[in-house]
Amino acid sequence: MSTGDQERQDDEAPEELESPPGLPKIIKFDSLARCGDEIWIENNGQIYRLRRTKQGKLILTK
């Protein structure tokens, strides 16, 4: 994947569902994990892996 392709993907916002006012945003996992069944998340210098199992459940590991 070229740098230009990566920039285009980063510019695309994840699909959000309508949430009632005052509630957290709901984002579909498929829109975050466009290229597979896992995403890597950085939070305060720590890296986490969020993946979907074959049964459709989510597992977050550090």
PDB file of N, CA and C in Angstrom:
ATOM      1  N   MET A   1       0.848  -1.172   0.000  1.00  0.00           N
ATOM      2  CA  MET A   1       0.000   0.000   0.000  1.00  0.00           C
ATOM      3  C   MET A   1       0.890   1.230   0.000  1.00  0.00           C
ATOM      4  N   SER A   2       0.607   2.183  -0.876  1.00  0.00           N
ATOM      5  CA  SER A   2       1.416   3.388  -0.964  1.00  0.00           C
ATOM      6  C   SER A   2       1.004   4.372   0.122  1.00  0.00           C
ATOM      7  N   THR A   3       1.850   5.378   0.320  1.00  0.00           N
ATOM      8  CA  THR A   3       1.543   6.390   1.329  1.00  0.00           C
ATOM      9  C   THR A   3       0.248   7.120   0.989  1.00  0.00           C
ATOM     10  N   GLY A   4       0.027   7.390  -0.308  1.00  0.00           N
ATOM     11  CA  GLY A   4      -1.201   8.056  -0.717  1.00  0.00           C
ATOM     12  C   GLY A   4      -2.430   7.244  -0.366  1.00  0.00           C
ATOM     13  N   ASP A   5      -2.355   5.901  -0.552  1.00  0.00           N
ATOM     14  CA  ASP A   5      -3.473   5.038  -0.189  1.00  0.00           C
ATOM     15  C   ASP A   5      -3.742   5.110   1.302  1.00  0.00           C
ATOM     16  N   GLN A   6      -2.691   5.102   2.111  1.00  0.00           N
ATOM     17  CA  GLN A   6      -2.845   5.164   3.565  1.00  0.00           C
ATOM     18  C   GLN A   6      -3.498   6.482   3.966  1.00  0.00           C
ATOM     19  N   GLU A   7      -3.081   7.594   3.329  1.00  0.00           N
ATOM     20  CA  GLU A   7      -3.664   8.883   3.668  1.00  0.00           C
ATOM     21  C   GLU A   7      -5.154   8.907   3.326  1.00  0.00           C
ATOM     22  N   ARG A   8      -5.541   8.324   2.205  1.00  0.00           N
ATOM     23  CA  ARG A   8      -6.952   8.288   1.837  1.00  0.00           C
ATOM     24  C   ARG A   8      -7.745   7.485   2.858  1.00  0.00           C
ATOM     25  N   GLN A   9      -7.201   6.346   3.301  1.00  0.00           N
ATOM     26  CA  GLN A   9      -7.914   5.534   4.286  1.00  0.00           C
ATOM     27  C   GLN A   9      -8.054   6.280   5.597  1.00  0.00           C
ATOM     28  N   ASP A  10      -7.012   7.011   6.011  1.00  0.00           N
ATOM     29  CA  ASP A  10      -7.070   7.747   7.262  1.00  0.00           C
ATOM     30  C   ASP A  10      -8.094   8.867   7.197  1.00  0.00           C
ATOM     31  N   ASP A  11      -8.317   9.440   5.991  1.00  0.00           N
ATOM     32  CA  ASP A  11      -9.274  10.524   5.834  1.00  0.00           C
ATOM     33  C   ASP A  11     -10.714  10.037   5.892  1.00  0.00           C
ATOM     34  N   GLU A  12     -10.948   8.742   5.626  1.00  0.00           N
ATOM     35  CA  GLU A  12     -12.304   8.210   5.638  1.00  0.00           C
ATOM     36  C   GLU A  12     -12.745   8.003   7.080  1.00  0.00           C
ATOM     37  N   ALA A  13     -13.849   8.605   7.446  1.00  0.00           N
ATOM     38  CA  ALA A  13     -14.347   8.477   8.814  1.00  0.00           C
ATOM     39  C   ALA A  13     -15.071   7.145   8.977  1.00  0.00           C
ATOM     40  N   PRO A  14     -14.913   6.482  10.131  1.00  0.00           N
ATOM     41  CA  PRO A  14     -15.663   5.252  10.391  1.00  0.00           C
ATOM     42  C   PRO A  14     -17.157   5.530  10.391  1.00  0.00           C
ATOM     43  N   GLU A  15     -17.921   4.537   9.978  1.00  0.00           N
ATOM     44  CA  GLU A  15     -19.380   4.679   9.960  1.00  0.00           C
ATOM     45  C   GLU A  15     -19.897   4.752  11.391  1.00  0.00           C
ATOM     46  N   GLU A  16     -20.667   5.797  11.661  1.00  0.00           N
ATOM     47  CA  GLU A  16     -21.252   5.976  12.991  1.00  0.00           C
ATOM     48  C   GLU A  16     -22.757   5.784  12.909  1.00  0.00           C
ATOM     49  N   LEU A  17     -23.312   5.149  13.920  1.00  0.00           N
ATOM     50  CA  LEU A  17     -24.760   4.999  14.015  1.00  0.00           C
ATOM     51  C   LEU A  17     -25.312   6.172  14.806  1.00  0.00           C
ATOM     52  N   GLU A  18     -26.575   6.464  14.608  1.00  0.00           N
ATOM     53  CA  GLU A  18     -27.217   7.542  15.361  1.00  0.00           C
ATOM     54  C   GLU A  18     -27.325   7.140  16.829  1.00  0.00           C
ATOM     55  N   SER A  19     -26.845   8.009  17.700  1.00  0.00           N
ATOM     56  CA  SER A  19     -26.953   7.789  19.144  1.00  0.00           C
ATOM     57  C   SER A  19     -27.805   8.897  19.743  1.00  0.00           C
ATOM     58  N   PRO A  20     -28.624   8.560  20.707  1.00  0.00           N
ATOM     59  CA  PRO A  20     -29.393   9.615  21.387  1.00  0.00           C
ATOM     60  C   PRO A  20     -28.442  10.614  22.040  1.00  0.00           C
ATOM     61  N   PRO A  21     -28.828  11.869  22.142  1.00  0.00           N
ATOM     62  CA  PRO A  21     -27.971  12.881  22.777  1.00  0.00           C
ATOM     63  C   PRO A  21     -27.552  12.442  24.182  1.00  0.00           C
ATOM     64  N   GLY A  22     -26.308  12.700  24.511  1.00  0.00           N
ATOM     65  CA  GLY A  22     -25.802  12.375  25.837  1.00  0.00           C
ATOM     66  C   GLY A  22     -25.225  10.976  25.966  1.00  0.00           C
ATOM     67  N   LEU A  23     -25.402  10.131  24.951  1.00  0.00           N
ATOM     68  CA  LEU A  23     -24.842   8.774  24.982  1.00  0.00           C
ATOM     69  C   LEU A  23     -23.593   8.714  24.113  1.00  0.00           C
ATOM     70  N   PRO A  24     -22.698   7.769  24.381  1.00  0.00           N
ATOM     71  CA  PRO A  24     -21.477   7.652  23.570  1.00  0.00           C
ATOM     72  C   PRO A  24     -21.799   7.337  22.108  1.00  0.00           C
ATOM     73  N   LYS A  25     -20.874   7.701  21.214  1.00  0.00           N
ATOM     74  CA  LYS A  25     -21.023   7.374  19.805  1.00  0.00           C
ATOM     75  C   LYS A  25     -20.923   5.864  19.622  1.00  0.00           C
ATOM     76  N   ILE A  26     -21.667   5.339  18.672  1.00  0.00           N
ATOM     77  CA  ILE A  26     -21.594   3.922  18.323  1.00  0.00           C
ATOM     78  C   ILE A  26     -20.949   3.831  16.943  1.00  0.00           C
ATOM     79  N   ILE A  27     -19.844   3.093  16.857  1.00  0.00           N
ATOM     80  CA  ILE A  27     -19.128   2.922  15.600  1.00  0.00           C
ATOM     81  C   ILE A  27     -19.075   1.437  15.286  1.00  0.00           C
ATOM     82  N   LYS A  28     -19.448   1.061  14.076  1.00  0.00           N
ATOM     83  CA  LYS A  28     -19.427  -0.348  13.687  1.00  0.00           C
ATOM     84  C   LYS A  28     -17.989  -0.856  13.636  1.00  0.00           C
ATOM     85  N   PHE A  29     -17.761  -2.042  14.197  1.00  0.00           N
ATOM     86  CA  PHE A  29     -16.434  -2.639  14.191  1.00  0.00           C
ATOM     87  C   PHE A  29     -15.928  -2.811  12.761  1.00  0.00           C
ATOM     88  N   ASP A  30     -16.822  -3.212  11.852  1.00  0.00           N
ATOM     89  CA  ASP A  30     -16.421  -3.427  10.459  1.00  0.00           C
ATOM     90  C   ASP A  30     -15.863  -2.155   9.822  1.00  0.00           C
ATOM     91  N   SER A  31     -16.352  -1.003  10.232  1.00  0.00           N
ATOM     92  CA  SER A  31     -15.833   0.234   9.657  1.00  0.00           C
ATOM     93  C   SER A  31     -14.464   0.588  10.232  1.00  0.00           C
ATOM     94  N   LEU A  32     -14.166   0.114  11.436  1.00  0.00           N
ATOM     95  CA  LEU A  32     -12.838   0.325  12.011  1.00  0.00           C
ATOM     96  C   LEU A  32     -11.833  -0.678  11.461  1.00  0.00           C
ATOM     97  N   ALA A  33     -12.244  -1.920  11.327  1.00  0.00           N
ATOM     98  CA  ALA A  33     -11.360  -3.003  10.871  1.00  0.00           C
ATOM     99  C   ALA A  33     -11.653  -3.298   9.402  1.00  0.00           C
ATOM    100  N   ARG A  34     -11.442  -2.319   8.554  1.00  0.00           N
ATOM    101  CA  ARG A  34     -11.782  -2.452   7.139  1.00  0.00           C
ATOM    102  C   ARG A  34     -10.997  -3.549   6.431  1.00  0.00           C
ATOM    103  N   CYS A  35      -9.824  -3.885   6.929  1.00  0.00           N
ATOM    104  CA  CYS A  35      -8.952  -4.834   6.222  1.00  0.00           C
ATOM    105  C   CYS A  35      -8.850  -6.181   6.923  1.00  0.00           C
ATOM    106  N   GLY A  36      -9.748  -6.505   7.809  1.00  0.00           N
ATOM    107  CA  GLY A  36      -9.658  -7.782   8.495  1.00  0.00           C
ATOM    108  C   GLY A  36     -10.494  -7.811   9.758  1.00  0.00           C
ATOM    109  N   ASP A  37     -10.052  -8.653  10.683  1.00  0.00           N
ATOM    110  CA  ASP A  37     -10.814  -8.867  11.910  1.00  0.00           C
ATOM    111  C   ASP A  37     -10.101  -8.347  13.153  1.00  0.00           C
ATOM    112  N   GLU A  38      -9.147  -7.417  12.965  1.00  0.00           N
ATOM    113  CA  GLU A  38      -8.482  -6.861  14.137  1.00  0.00           C
ATOM    114  C   GLU A  38      -8.021  -5.438  13.868  1.00  0.00           C
ATOM    115  N   ILE A  39      -7.908  -4.693  14.957  1.00  0.00           N
ATOM    116  CA  ILE A  39      -7.332  -3.354  14.900  1.00  0.00           C
ATOM    117  C   ILE A  39      -6.371  -3.213  16.075  1.00  0.00           C
ATOM    118  N   TRP A  40      -5.398  -2.341  15.922  1.00  0.00           N
ATOM    119  CA  TRP A  40      -4.452  -2.035  16.981  1.00  0.00           C
ATOM    120  C   TRP A  40      -4.752  -0.626  17.454  1.00  0.00           C
ATOM    121  N   ILE A  41      -4.811  -0.453  18.770  1.00  0.00           N
ATOM    122  CA  ILE A  41      -5.190   0.822  19.367  1.00  0.00           C
ATOM    123  C   ILE A  41      -4.059   1.276  20.286  1.00  0.00           C
ATOM    124  N   GLU A  42      -3.640   2.546  20.158  1.00  0.00           N
ATOM    125  CA  GLU A  42      -2.640   3.115  21.053  1.00  0.00           C
ATOM    126  C   GLU A  42      -3.361   4.015  22.044  1.00  0.00           C
ATOM    127  N   ASN A  43      -3.068   3.840  23.326  1.00  0.00           N
ATOM    128  CA  ASN A  43      -3.645   4.662  24.381  1.00  0.00           C
ATOM    129  C   ASN A  43      -2.590   4.923  25.438  1.00  0.00           C
ATOM    130  N   ASN A  44      -2.243   6.185  25.625  1.00  0.00           N
ATOM    131  CA  ASN A  44      -1.231   6.573  26.619  1.00  0.00           C
ATOM    132  C   ASN A  44       0.064   5.779  26.479  1.00  0.00           C
ATOM    133  N   GLY A  45       0.513   5.572  25.243  1.00  0.00           N
ATOM    134  CA  GLY A  45       1.771   4.875  25.002  1.00  0.00           C
ATOM    135  C   GLY A  45       1.676   3.362  25.045  1.00  0.00           C
ATOM    136  N   GLN A  46       0.515   2.815  25.354  1.00  0.00           N
ATOM    137  CA  GLN A  46       0.309   1.369  25.396  1.00  0.00           C
ATOM    138  C   GLN A  46      -0.410   0.925  24.128  1.00  0.00           C
ATOM    139  N   ILE A  47      -0.040  -0.242  23.604  1.00  0.00           N
ATOM    140  CA  ILE A  47      -0.661  -0.781  22.406  1.00  0.00           C
ATOM    141  C   ILE A  47      -1.611  -1.912  22.796  1.00  0.00           C
ATOM    142  N   TYR A  48      -2.831  -1.848  22.267  1.00  0.00           N
ATOM    143  CA  TYR A  48      -3.847  -2.862  22.523  1.00  0.00           C
ATOM    144  C   TYR A  48      -4.299  -3.451  21.195  1.00  0.00           C
ATOM    145  N   ARG A  49      -4.674  -4.722  21.215  1.00  0.00           N
ATOM    146  CA  ARG A  49      -5.184  -5.407  20.027  1.00  0.00           C
ATOM    147  C   ARG A  49      -6.647  -5.761  20.278  1.00  0.00           C
ATOM    148  N   LEU A  50      -7.523  -5.301  19.390  1.00  0.00           N
ATOM    149  CA  LEU A  50      -8.948  -5.621  19.464  1.00  0.00           C
ATOM    150  C   LEU A  50      -9.260  -6.509  18.265  1.00  0.00           C
ATOM    151  N   ARG A  51      -9.685  -7.738  18.543  1.00  0.00           N
ATOM    152  CA  ARG A  51      -9.961  -8.655  17.440  1.00  0.00           C
ATOM    153  C   ARG A  51     -11.313  -9.317  17.611  1.00  0.00           C
ATOM    154  N   ARG A  52     -11.868  -9.725  16.468  1.00  0.00           N
ATOM    155  CA  ARG A  52     -13.160 -10.411  16.448  1.00  0.00           C
ATOM    156  C   ARG A  52     -12.897 -11.910  16.289  1.00  0.00           C
ATOM    157  N   THR A  53     -13.551 -12.714  17.115  1.00  0.00           N
ATOM    158  CA  THR A  53     -13.402 -14.161  17.036  1.00  0.00           C
ATOM    159  C   THR A  53     -14.302 -14.729  15.942  1.00  0.00           C
ATOM    160  N   LYS A  54     -14.127 -16.004  15.651  1.00  0.00           N
ATOM    161  CA  LYS A  54     -14.981 -16.677  14.665  1.00  0.00           C
ATOM    162  C   LYS A  54     -16.437 -16.686  15.107  1.00  0.00           C
ATOM    163  N   GLN A  55     -16.676 -16.595  16.418  1.00  0.00           N
ATOM    164  CA  GLN A  55     -18.042 -16.567  16.947  1.00  0.00           C
ATOM    165  C   GLN A  55     -18.627 -15.154  16.958  1.00  0.00           C
ATOM    166  N   GLY A  56     -17.835 -14.161  16.512  1.00  0.00           N
ATOM    167  CA  GLY A  56     -18.324 -12.786  16.441  1.00  0.00           C
ATOM    168  C   GLY A  56     -18.138 -11.982  17.712  1.00  0.00           C
ATOM    169  N   LYS A  57     -17.430 -12.528  18.686  1.00  0.00           N
ATOM    170  CA  LYS A  57     -17.169 -11.797  19.933  1.00  0.00           C
ATOM    171  C   LYS A  57     -15.894 -10.994  19.786  1.00  0.00           C
ATOM    172  N   LEU A  58     -15.734  -9.960  20.624  1.00  0.00           N
ATOM    173  CA  LEU A  58     -14.543  -9.123  20.588  1.00  0.00           C
ATOM    174  C   LEU A  58     -13.657  -9.431  21.775  1.00  0.00           C
ATOM    175  N   ILE A  59     -12.346  -9.457  21.526  1.00  0.00           N
ATOM    176  CA  ILE A  59     -11.352  -9.677  22.569  1.00  0.00           C
ATOM    177  C   ILE A  59     -10.337  -8.537  22.518  1.00  0.00           C
ATOM    178  N   LEU A  60     -10.119  -7.873  23.648  1.00  0.00           N
ATOM    179  CA  LEU A  60      -9.135  -6.811  23.753  1.00  0.00           C
ATOM    180  C   LEU A  60      -7.970  -7.333  24.575  1.00  0.00           C
ATOM    181  N   THR A  61      -6.756  -7.285  24.008  1.00  0.00           N
ATOM    182  CA  THR A  61      -5.567  -7.729  24.728  1.00  0.00           C
ATOM    183  C   THR A  61      -4.512  -6.651  24.683  1.00  0.00           C
ATOM    184  N   LYS A  62      -3.657  -6.668  25.692  1.00  0.00           N
ATOM    185  CA  LYS A  62      -2.582  -5.686  25.793  1.00  0.00           C
ATOM    186  C   LYS A  62      -1.304  -6.294  25.261  1.00  0.00           C
TER     187      LYS A  62
END
